[in-house]
Amino acid sequence: MTGRVFIDTCIFFDAISDHAVGQVLQHLKNIEFSFCTSLPVLGEFVSETAALPDKEDKIRGFFNLVDTLDLVALVPDSRVSYACYLLCKYNEDERMRAEHTDLVHLGYAMAYQVPVFLTTDRHLSHFRIPAKLMEKGYQQPWMMDVAGVKREYLGKRR
């Protein structure tokens, strides 16, 4: 089994604080999944961590996770810019109106054609990309949480 997984900010926090989440990610790597995230996700993680009293431990855990997973950081390009523009312009989901950061994260995954988007964000998990993006050839990644990934990819006998 091979595949690519986009990791959202919340998953980094979960993996650092919950060994079981980190184990799921490691098991996925063992069956040849690769992991990526975007520069905005990395920035959001650092920004949110800076205010925490245990920030040194979180940052250390983060870099260990990045190293363990061989995480690839996706960089902005014209595909990302266009996907993010379309997501913000044509979004009709009221829950996501003020969630530009989440739409940018999704735009990166869509532009880089990452099939699985790992998140615990409930609004993002239920978001459906606007039809205009489908018309332009973008596909929605499969929005999953850690339990869903575990069930789908690790819970079956191979």
N, C-alpha and C. Protein backbone atom coordinates (compact mmCIF):
# COMPACT_ATOMS: atom_id res chain seq x y z
N MET A 1 0.86 -1.18 0.00
CA MET A 1 0.00 0.00 0.00
C MET A 1 0.89 1.23 0.00
N THR A 2 0.62 2.14 -0.88
CA THR A 2 1.31 3.42 -0.85
C THR A 2 0.28 4.53 -0.98
N GLY A 3 0.61 5.67 -0.48
CA GLY A 3 -0.29 6.81 -0.56
C GLY A 3 0.36 8.02 0.09
N ARG A 4 -0.28 9.14 -0.12
CA ARG A 4 0.21 10.37 0.48
C ARG A 4 -0.85 10.93 1.41
N VAL A 5 -0.38 11.48 2.51
CA VAL A 5 -1.28 12.03 3.53
C VAL A 5 -0.82 13.45 3.86
N PHE A 6 -1.78 14.39 3.80
CA PHE A 6 -1.54 15.76 4.23
C PHE A 6 -1.87 15.84 5.71
N ILE A 7 -0.97 16.37 6.51
CA ILE A 7 -1.19 16.48 7.95
C ILE A 7 -1.56 17.91 8.32
N ASP A 8 -2.73 18.08 8.94
CA ASP A 8 -3.20 19.38 9.40
C ASP A 8 -2.57 19.70 10.76
N THR A 9 -2.59 20.96 11.14
CA THR A 9 -1.95 21.43 12.37
C THR A 9 -2.38 20.65 13.61
N CYS A 10 -3.68 20.40 13.75
CA CYS A 10 -4.20 19.72 14.94
C CYS A 10 -3.59 18.33 15.11
N ILE A 11 -3.26 17.67 14.02
CA ILE A 11 -2.69 16.32 14.09
C ILE A 11 -1.28 16.37 14.67
N PHE A 12 -0.53 17.42 14.37
CA PHE A 12 0.80 17.55 14.97
C PHE A 12 0.68 17.64 16.48
N PHE A 13 -0.23 18.47 16.96
CA PHE A 13 -0.42 18.58 18.41
C PHE A 13 -0.85 17.24 19.01
N ASP A 14 -1.76 16.55 18.35
CA ASP A 14 -2.23 15.26 18.85
C ASP A 14 -1.10 14.24 18.88
N ALA A 15 -0.30 14.18 17.82
CA ALA A 15 0.77 13.19 17.74
C ALA A 15 1.85 13.42 18.80
N ILE A 16 2.07 14.68 19.13
CA ILE A 16 3.09 15.02 20.13
C ILE A 16 2.58 14.69 21.54
N SER A 17 1.30 14.90 21.77
CA SER A 17 0.77 14.69 23.13
C SER A 17 0.20 13.29 23.35
N ASP A 18 -0.07 12.55 22.29
CA ASP A 18 -0.68 11.22 22.42
C ASP A 18 0.14 10.21 21.62
N HIS A 19 0.84 9.36 22.34
CA HIS A 19 1.73 8.36 21.72
C HIS A 19 0.97 7.49 20.72
N ALA A 20 -0.29 7.18 20.99
CA ALA A 20 -1.08 6.33 20.10
C ALA A 20 -1.25 6.96 18.71
N VAL A 21 -1.41 8.27 18.66
CA VAL A 21 -1.54 8.96 17.38
C VAL A 21 -0.23 8.86 16.60
N GLY A 22 0.87 9.09 17.29
CA GLY A 22 2.18 8.94 16.66
C GLY A 22 2.41 7.54 16.13
N GLN A 23 1.92 6.55 16.87
CA GLN A 23 2.06 5.15 16.42
C GLN A 23 1.27 4.89 15.14
N VAL A 24 0.07 5.45 15.04
CA VAL A 24 -0.73 5.28 13.82
C VAL A 24 0.04 5.85 12.63
N LEU A 25 0.61 7.04 12.80
CA LEU A 25 1.38 7.65 11.72
C LEU A 25 2.58 6.78 11.35
N GLN A 26 3.25 6.24 12.36
CA GLN A 26 4.41 5.37 12.11
C GLN A 26 3.98 4.10 11.38
N HIS A 27 2.85 3.52 11.75
CA HIS A 27 2.35 2.32 11.06
C HIS A 27 2.03 2.63 9.61
N LEU A 28 1.46 3.81 9.35
CA LEU A 28 1.20 4.20 7.96
C LEU A 28 2.50 4.32 7.18
N LYS A 29 3.50 4.90 7.80
CA LYS A 29 4.81 5.01 7.14
C LYS A 29 5.37 3.62 6.84
N ASN A 30 5.16 2.69 7.77
CA ASN A 30 5.67 1.33 7.58
C ASN A 30 5.03 0.62 6.39
N ILE A 31 3.80 1.02 6.02
CA ILE A 31 3.17 0.43 4.84
C ILE A 31 3.29 1.38 3.64
N GLU A 32 4.32 2.20 3.69
CA GLU A 32 4.76 3.04 2.58
C GLU A 32 3.88 4.25 2.26
N PHE A 33 3.21 4.78 3.27
CA PHE A 33 2.56 6.07 3.10
C PHE A 33 3.63 7.14 3.26
N SER A 34 3.46 8.24 2.57
CA SER A 34 4.35 9.38 2.76
C SER A 34 3.51 10.54 3.30
N PHE A 35 4.17 11.47 3.94
CA PHE A 35 3.48 12.55 4.64
C PHE A 35 3.96 13.91 4.15
N CYS A 36 3.02 14.82 4.08
CA CYS A 36 3.35 16.19 3.71
C CYS A 36 2.45 17.14 4.48
N THR A 37 2.85 18.38 4.46
CA THR A 37 2.05 19.47 5.03
C THR A 37 2.46 20.73 4.30
N SER A 38 1.84 21.84 4.62
CA SER A 38 2.15 23.09 3.94
C SER A 38 2.96 24.03 4.84
N LEU A 39 3.60 24.98 4.22
CA LEU A 39 4.31 25.99 5.01
C LEU A 39 3.36 26.73 5.95
N PRO A 40 2.12 27.06 5.53
CA PRO A 40 1.21 27.70 6.48
C PRO A 40 0.87 26.81 7.68
N VAL A 41 0.77 25.51 7.51
CA VAL A 41 0.53 24.62 8.64
C VAL A 41 1.72 24.69 9.60
N LEU A 42 2.91 24.63 9.05
CA LEU A 42 4.11 24.70 9.90
C LEU A 42 4.14 26.03 10.67
N GLY A 43 3.82 27.11 9.99
CA GLY A 43 3.78 28.42 10.65
C GLY A 43 2.71 28.49 11.73
N GLU A 44 1.55 27.91 11.45
CA GLU A 44 0.47 27.91 12.43
C GLU A 44 0.88 27.11 13.67
N PHE A 45 1.55 25.98 13.47
CA PHE A 45 2.01 25.18 14.60
C PHE A 45 2.98 25.98 15.47
N VAL A 46 3.95 26.62 14.84
CA VAL A 46 4.94 27.40 15.59
C VAL A 46 4.26 28.56 16.31
N SER A 47 3.37 29.25 15.65
CA SER A 47 2.66 30.38 16.25
C SER A 47 1.85 29.96 17.47
N GLU A 48 1.12 28.85 17.35
CA GLU A 48 0.30 28.38 18.47
C GLU A 48 1.16 27.83 19.60
N THR A 49 2.31 27.28 19.26
CA THR A 49 3.19 26.70 20.28
C THR A 49 3.93 27.77 21.07
N ALA A 50 4.21 28.89 20.45
CA ALA A 50 5.00 29.95 21.08
C ALA A 50 4.42 30.43 22.40
N ALA A 51 3.11 30.37 22.56
CA ALA A 51 2.47 30.87 23.77
C ALA A 51 2.35 29.81 24.87
N LEU A 52 2.73 28.59 24.59
CA LEU A 52 2.56 27.51 25.56
C LEU A 52 3.70 27.46 26.56
N PRO A 53 3.40 27.11 27.81
CA PRO A 53 4.47 27.03 28.81
C PRO A 53 5.47 25.91 28.52
N ASP A 54 5.04 24.86 27.83
CA ASP A 54 5.93 23.73 27.52
C ASP A 54 6.38 23.76 26.05
N LYS A 55 6.56 24.97 25.53
CA LYS A 55 6.86 25.12 24.10
C LYS A 55 8.14 24.40 23.67
N GLU A 56 9.15 24.36 24.53
CA GLU A 56 10.40 23.68 24.16
C GLU A 56 10.14 22.19 23.92
N ASP A 57 9.36 21.57 24.79
CA ASP A 57 9.03 20.15 24.63
C ASP A 57 8.21 19.92 23.37
N LYS A 58 7.26 20.80 23.12
CA LYS A 58 6.41 20.67 21.92
C LYS A 58 7.25 20.80 20.65
N ILE A 59 8.13 21.79 20.63
CA ILE A 59 8.97 22.00 19.44
C ILE A 59 9.91 20.81 19.23
N ARG A 60 10.48 20.31 20.31
CA ARG A 60 11.35 19.14 20.22
C ARG A 60 10.57 17.93 19.69
N GLY A 61 9.38 17.72 20.23
CA GLY A 61 8.53 16.62 19.77
C GLY A 61 8.14 16.79 18.32
N PHE A 62 7.87 18.03 17.93
CA PHE A 62 7.51 18.33 16.54
C PHE A 62 8.65 17.96 15.60
N PHE A 63 9.86 18.40 15.91
CA PHE A 63 10.99 18.10 15.03
C PHE A 63 11.30 16.60 15.00
N ASN A 64 11.11 15.92 16.12
CA ASN A 64 11.27 14.46 16.11
C ASN A 64 10.25 13.81 15.18
N LEU A 65 9.02 14.29 15.22
CA LEU A 65 7.96 13.76 14.37
C LEU A 65 8.26 14.03 12.90
N VAL A 66 8.67 15.24 12.59
CA VAL A 66 9.03 15.61 11.22
C VAL A 66 10.12 14.67 10.70
N ASP A 67 11.12 14.43 11.52
CA ASP A 67 12.23 13.55 11.14
C ASP A 67 11.76 12.10 10.98
N THR A 68 10.99 11.61 11.93
CA THR A 68 10.51 10.23 11.90
C THR A 68 9.66 9.95 10.67
N LEU A 69 8.82 10.91 10.30
CA LEU A 69 7.90 10.70 9.18
C LEU A 69 8.49 11.09 7.83
N ASP A 70 9.70 11.66 7.83
CA ASP A 70 10.27 12.18 6.58
C ASP A 70 9.29 13.15 5.92
N LEU A 71 8.75 14.03 6.72
CA LEU A 71 7.72 14.96 6.29
C LEU A 71 8.23 15.90 5.19
N VAL A 72 7.43 16.09 4.17
CA VAL A 72 7.74 17.01 3.08
C VAL A 72 6.89 18.26 3.27
N ALA A 73 7.53 19.42 3.18
CA ALA A 73 6.81 20.70 3.28
C ALA A 73 6.47 21.17 1.87
N LEU A 74 5.18 21.33 1.61
CA LEU A 74 4.72 21.81 0.31
C LEU A 74 4.86 23.32 0.25
N VAL A 75 5.41 23.81 -0.83
CA VAL A 75 5.65 25.24 -0.97
C VAL A 75 4.63 25.86 -1.93
N PRO A 76 4.40 27.16 -1.79
CA PRO A 76 3.41 27.79 -2.67
C PRO A 76 3.90 27.86 -4.11
N ASP A 77 2.96 27.70 -5.01
CA ASP A 77 3.22 27.89 -6.43
C ASP A 77 1.92 28.37 -7.06
N SER A 78 1.88 28.50 -8.37
CA SER A 78 0.69 29.06 -9.02
C SER A 78 -0.53 28.16 -8.83
N ARG A 79 -0.35 26.84 -8.78
CA ARG A 79 -1.48 25.93 -8.56
C ARG A 79 -2.09 26.15 -7.17
N VAL A 80 -1.23 26.31 -6.18
CA VAL A 80 -1.70 26.56 -4.81
C VAL A 80 -2.44 27.89 -4.74
N SER A 81 -1.85 28.90 -5.31
CA SER A 81 -2.45 30.23 -5.30
C SER A 81 -3.85 30.20 -5.93
N TYR A 82 -3.96 29.55 -7.07
CA TYR A 82 -5.24 29.49 -7.78
C TYR A 82 -6.26 28.68 -6.99
N ALA A 83 -5.85 27.55 -6.43
CA ALA A 83 -6.77 26.72 -5.64
C ALA A 83 -7.29 27.50 -4.43
N CYS A 84 -6.40 28.20 -3.75
CA CYS A 84 -6.81 28.97 -2.57
C CYS A 84 -7.76 30.10 -2.97
N TYR A 85 -7.45 30.78 -4.06
CA TYR A 85 -8.31 31.85 -4.56
C TYR A 85 -9.71 31.31 -4.84
N LEU A 86 -9.79 30.19 -5.57
CA LEU A 86 -11.09 29.62 -5.91
C LEU A 86 -11.86 29.16 -4.67
N LEU A 87 -11.15 28.55 -3.73
CA LEU A 87 -11.81 28.10 -2.50
C LEU A 87 -12.43 29.27 -1.75
N CYS A 88 -11.70 30.34 -1.63
CA CYS A 88 -12.21 31.51 -0.89
C CYS A 88 -13.31 32.23 -1.67
N LYS A 89 -13.15 32.33 -2.97
CA LYS A 89 -14.13 33.06 -3.79
C LYS A 89 -15.46 32.32 -3.90
N TYR A 90 -15.42 31.00 -4.07
CA TYR A 90 -16.65 30.25 -4.34
C TYR A 90 -17.19 29.47 -3.14
N ASN A 91 -16.57 29.61 -2.00
CA ASN A 91 -17.05 28.94 -0.80
C ASN A 91 -18.45 29.44 -0.42
N GLU A 92 -19.37 28.53 -0.25
CA GLU A 92 -20.72 28.90 0.19
C GLU A 92 -21.08 28.27 1.53
N ASP A 93 -20.14 27.58 2.13
CA ASP A 93 -20.35 26.91 3.41
C ASP A 93 -20.18 27.94 4.53
N GLU A 94 -21.28 28.26 5.19
CA GLU A 94 -21.26 29.28 6.25
C GLU A 94 -20.27 28.95 7.37
N ARG A 95 -20.10 27.66 7.67
CA ARG A 95 -19.17 27.27 8.74
C ARG A 95 -17.73 27.67 8.41
N MET A 96 -17.42 27.78 7.11
CA MET A 96 -16.05 28.03 6.69
C MET A 96 -15.80 29.48 6.24
N ARG A 97 -16.81 30.33 6.37
CA ARG A 97 -16.69 31.73 5.89
C ARG A 97 -15.47 32.44 6.48
N ALA A 98 -15.21 32.28 7.74
CA ALA A 98 -14.10 32.98 8.39
C ALA A 98 -12.87 32.09 8.56
N GLU A 99 -12.90 30.91 7.98
CA GLU A 99 -11.81 29.94 8.16
C GLU A 99 -10.84 29.95 6.98
N HIS A 100 -10.30 31.11 6.66
CA HIS A 100 -9.42 31.23 5.51
C HIS A 100 -8.17 30.37 5.66
N THR A 101 -7.65 30.27 6.86
CA THR A 101 -6.46 29.46 7.08
C THR A 101 -6.73 28.00 6.73
N ASP A 102 -7.86 27.47 7.18
CA ASP A 102 -8.20 26.08 6.85
C ASP A 102 -8.39 25.89 5.36
N LEU A 103 -8.99 26.87 4.69
CA LEU A 103 -9.17 26.77 3.25
C LEU A 103 -7.82 26.79 2.53
N VAL A 104 -6.88 27.55 3.04
CA VAL A 104 -5.53 27.56 2.47
C VAL A 104 -4.88 26.19 2.64
N HIS A 105 -5.02 25.59 3.80
CA HIS A 105 -4.45 24.25 4.01
C HIS A 105 -5.04 23.27 3.00
N LEU A 106 -6.35 23.32 2.84
CA LEU A 106 -7.03 22.46 1.88
C LEU A 106 -6.57 22.76 0.45
N GLY A 107 -6.38 24.05 0.15
CA GLY A 107 -5.90 24.43 -1.18
C GLY A 107 -4.56 23.82 -1.52
N TYR A 108 -3.67 23.78 -0.56
CA TYR A 108 -2.37 23.13 -0.78
C TYR A 108 -2.55 21.64 -1.11
N ALA A 109 -3.35 20.96 -0.31
CA ALA A 109 -3.55 19.52 -0.53
C ALA A 109 -4.16 19.26 -1.91
N MET A 110 -5.13 20.09 -2.29
CA MET A 110 -5.78 19.91 -3.59
C MET A 110 -4.81 20.22 -4.73
N ALA A 111 -4.06 21.29 -4.61
CA ALA A 111 -3.13 21.68 -5.68
C ALA A 111 -2.05 20.62 -5.89
N TYR A 112 -1.62 20.01 -4.81
CA TYR A 112 -0.59 18.96 -4.90
C TYR A 112 -1.20 17.56 -5.06
N GLN A 113 -2.51 17.50 -5.21
CA GLN A 113 -3.23 16.24 -5.44
C GLN A 113 -2.93 15.18 -4.38
N VAL A 114 -2.98 15.61 -3.13
CA VAL A 114 -2.78 14.69 -2.01
C VAL A 114 -4.14 14.05 -1.71
N PRO A 115 -4.25 12.72 -1.78
CA PRO A 115 -5.55 12.08 -1.68
C PRO A 115 -6.17 12.03 -0.28
N VAL A 116 -5.35 12.09 0.78
CA VAL A 116 -5.88 11.99 2.14
C VAL A 116 -5.46 13.22 2.93
N PHE A 117 -6.44 13.85 3.59
CA PHE A 117 -6.22 15.04 4.41
C PHE A 117 -6.55 14.65 5.84
N LEU A 118 -5.53 14.56 6.68
CA LEU A 118 -5.70 14.11 8.06
C LEU A 118 -5.94 15.31 8.97
N THR A 119 -7.13 15.34 9.61
CA THR A 119 -7.51 16.47 10.45
C THR A 119 -8.52 16.03 11.50
N THR A 120 -8.61 16.80 12.56
CA THR A 120 -9.69 16.59 13.54
C THR A 120 -10.67 17.75 13.51
N ASP A 121 -10.44 18.70 12.62
CA ASP A 121 -11.31 19.87 12.50
C ASP A 121 -12.66 19.44 11.93
N ARG A 122 -13.70 19.55 12.73
CA ARG A 122 -15.04 19.08 12.31
C ARG A 122 -15.61 19.87 11.13
N HIS A 123 -15.41 21.17 11.13
CA HIS A 123 -15.92 21.98 10.02
C HIS A 123 -15.22 21.59 8.71
N LEU A 124 -13.92 21.46 8.79
CA LEU A 124 -13.15 21.09 7.60
C LEU A 124 -13.49 19.67 7.16
N SER A 125 -13.71 18.79 8.11
CA SER A 125 -14.05 17.39 7.78
C SER A 125 -15.34 17.28 6.99
N HIS A 126 -16.26 18.19 7.22
CA HIS A 126 -17.56 18.14 6.54
C HIS A 126 -17.65 19.09 5.35
N PHE A 127 -16.58 19.80 5.08
CA PHE A 127 -16.58 20.77 3.98
C PHE A 127 -16.54 20.05 2.64
N ARG A 128 -17.32 20.53 1.72
CA ARG A 128 -17.31 20.01 0.35
C ARG A 128 -16.85 21.14 -0.56
N ILE A 129 -15.89 20.83 -1.42
CA ILE A 129 -15.37 21.89 -2.27
C ILE A 129 -16.45 22.37 -3.24
N PRO A 130 -16.42 23.64 -3.55
CA PRO A 130 -17.41 24.20 -4.47
C PRO A 130 -17.33 23.54 -5.85
N ALA A 131 -18.46 23.47 -6.52
CA ALA A 131 -18.55 22.86 -7.86
C ALA A 131 -17.58 23.52 -8.83
N LYS A 132 -17.37 24.81 -8.67
CA LYS A 132 -16.47 25.54 -9.57
C LYS A 132 -15.06 24.94 -9.56
N LEU A 133 -14.62 24.46 -8.42
CA LEU A 133 -13.30 23.84 -8.35
C LEU A 133 -13.28 22.49 -9.05
N MET A 134 -14.36 21.74 -8.92
CA MET A 134 -14.46 20.46 -9.62
C MET A 134 -14.42 20.70 -11.13
N GLU A 135 -15.09 21.75 -11.58
CA GLU A 135 -15.09 22.10 -13.00
C GLU A 135 -13.68 22.43 -13.49
N LYS A 136 -12.86 22.97 -12.60
CA LYS A 136 -11.48 23.33 -12.95
C LYS A 136 -10.51 22.16 -12.80
N GLY A 137 -11.04 20.99 -12.42
CA GLY A 137 -10.20 19.79 -12.34
C GLY A 137 -9.65 19.46 -10.97
N TYR A 138 -10.02 20.23 -9.96
CA TYR A 138 -9.56 19.92 -8.61
C TYR A 138 -10.42 18.81 -8.02
N GLN A 139 -9.80 17.98 -7.20
CA GLN A 139 -10.53 16.92 -6.51
C GLN A 139 -10.41 17.12 -5.01
N GLN A 140 -11.47 16.79 -4.33
CA GLN A 140 -11.46 16.90 -2.87
C GLN A 140 -10.69 15.73 -2.28
N PRO A 141 -9.75 16.03 -1.38
CA PRO A 141 -9.09 14.93 -0.67
C PRO A 141 -10.08 14.24 0.26
N TRP A 142 -9.77 13.04 0.61
CA TRP A 142 -10.57 12.29 1.56
C TRP A 142 -10.23 12.83 2.94
N MET A 143 -11.19 13.50 3.58
CA MET A 143 -10.98 14.11 4.88
C MET A 143 -11.17 13.05 5.95
N MET A 144 -10.12 12.77 6.71
CA MET A 144 -10.17 11.71 7.71
C MET A 144 -9.55 12.15 9.01
N ASP A 145 -10.02 11.54 10.10
CA ASP A 145 -9.35 11.73 11.39
C ASP A 145 -8.47 10.49 11.61
N VAL A 146 -7.75 10.47 12.72
CA VAL A 146 -6.82 9.38 12.99
C VAL A 146 -7.55 8.04 13.12
N ALA A 147 -8.69 8.04 13.78
CA ALA A 147 -9.46 6.80 13.93
C ALA A 147 -9.91 6.28 12.57
N GLY A 148 -10.32 7.18 11.68
CA GLY A 148 -10.75 6.76 10.34
C GLY A 148 -9.61 6.18 9.53
N VAL A 149 -8.44 6.81 9.61
CA VAL A 149 -7.26 6.30 8.91
C VAL A 149 -6.88 4.93 9.45
N LYS A 150 -6.95 4.79 10.76
CA LYS A 150 -6.61 3.51 11.39
C LYS A 150 -7.56 2.42 10.92
N ARG A 151 -8.85 2.72 10.90
CA ARG A 151 -9.85 1.75 10.42
C ARG A 151 -9.64 1.38 8.96
N GLU A 152 -9.45 2.41 8.15
CA GLU A 152 -9.38 2.21 6.70
C GLU A 152 -8.10 1.52 6.25
N TYR A 153 -6.99 1.91 6.82
CA TYR A 153 -5.70 1.43 6.30
C TYR A 153 -4.98 0.44 7.20
N LEU A 154 -5.28 0.45 8.48
CA LEU A 154 -4.55 -0.41 9.40
C LEU A 154 -5.42 -1.50 10.02
N GLY A 155 -6.73 -1.39 9.89
CA GLY A 155 -7.63 -2.33 10.54
C GLY A 155 -7.97 -3.54 9.70
N LYS A 156 -7.48 -3.58 8.48
CA LYS A 156 -7.79 -4.70 7.60
C LYS A 156 -6.61 -5.64 7.48
N ARG A 157 -6.91 -6.89 7.33
CA ARG A 157 -5.83 -7.85 7.05
C ARG A 157 -5.41 -7.68 5.61
N ARG A 158 -4.16 -7.74 5.39
CA ARG A 158 -3.63 -7.60 4.03
C ARG A 158 -3.02 -8.89 3.57
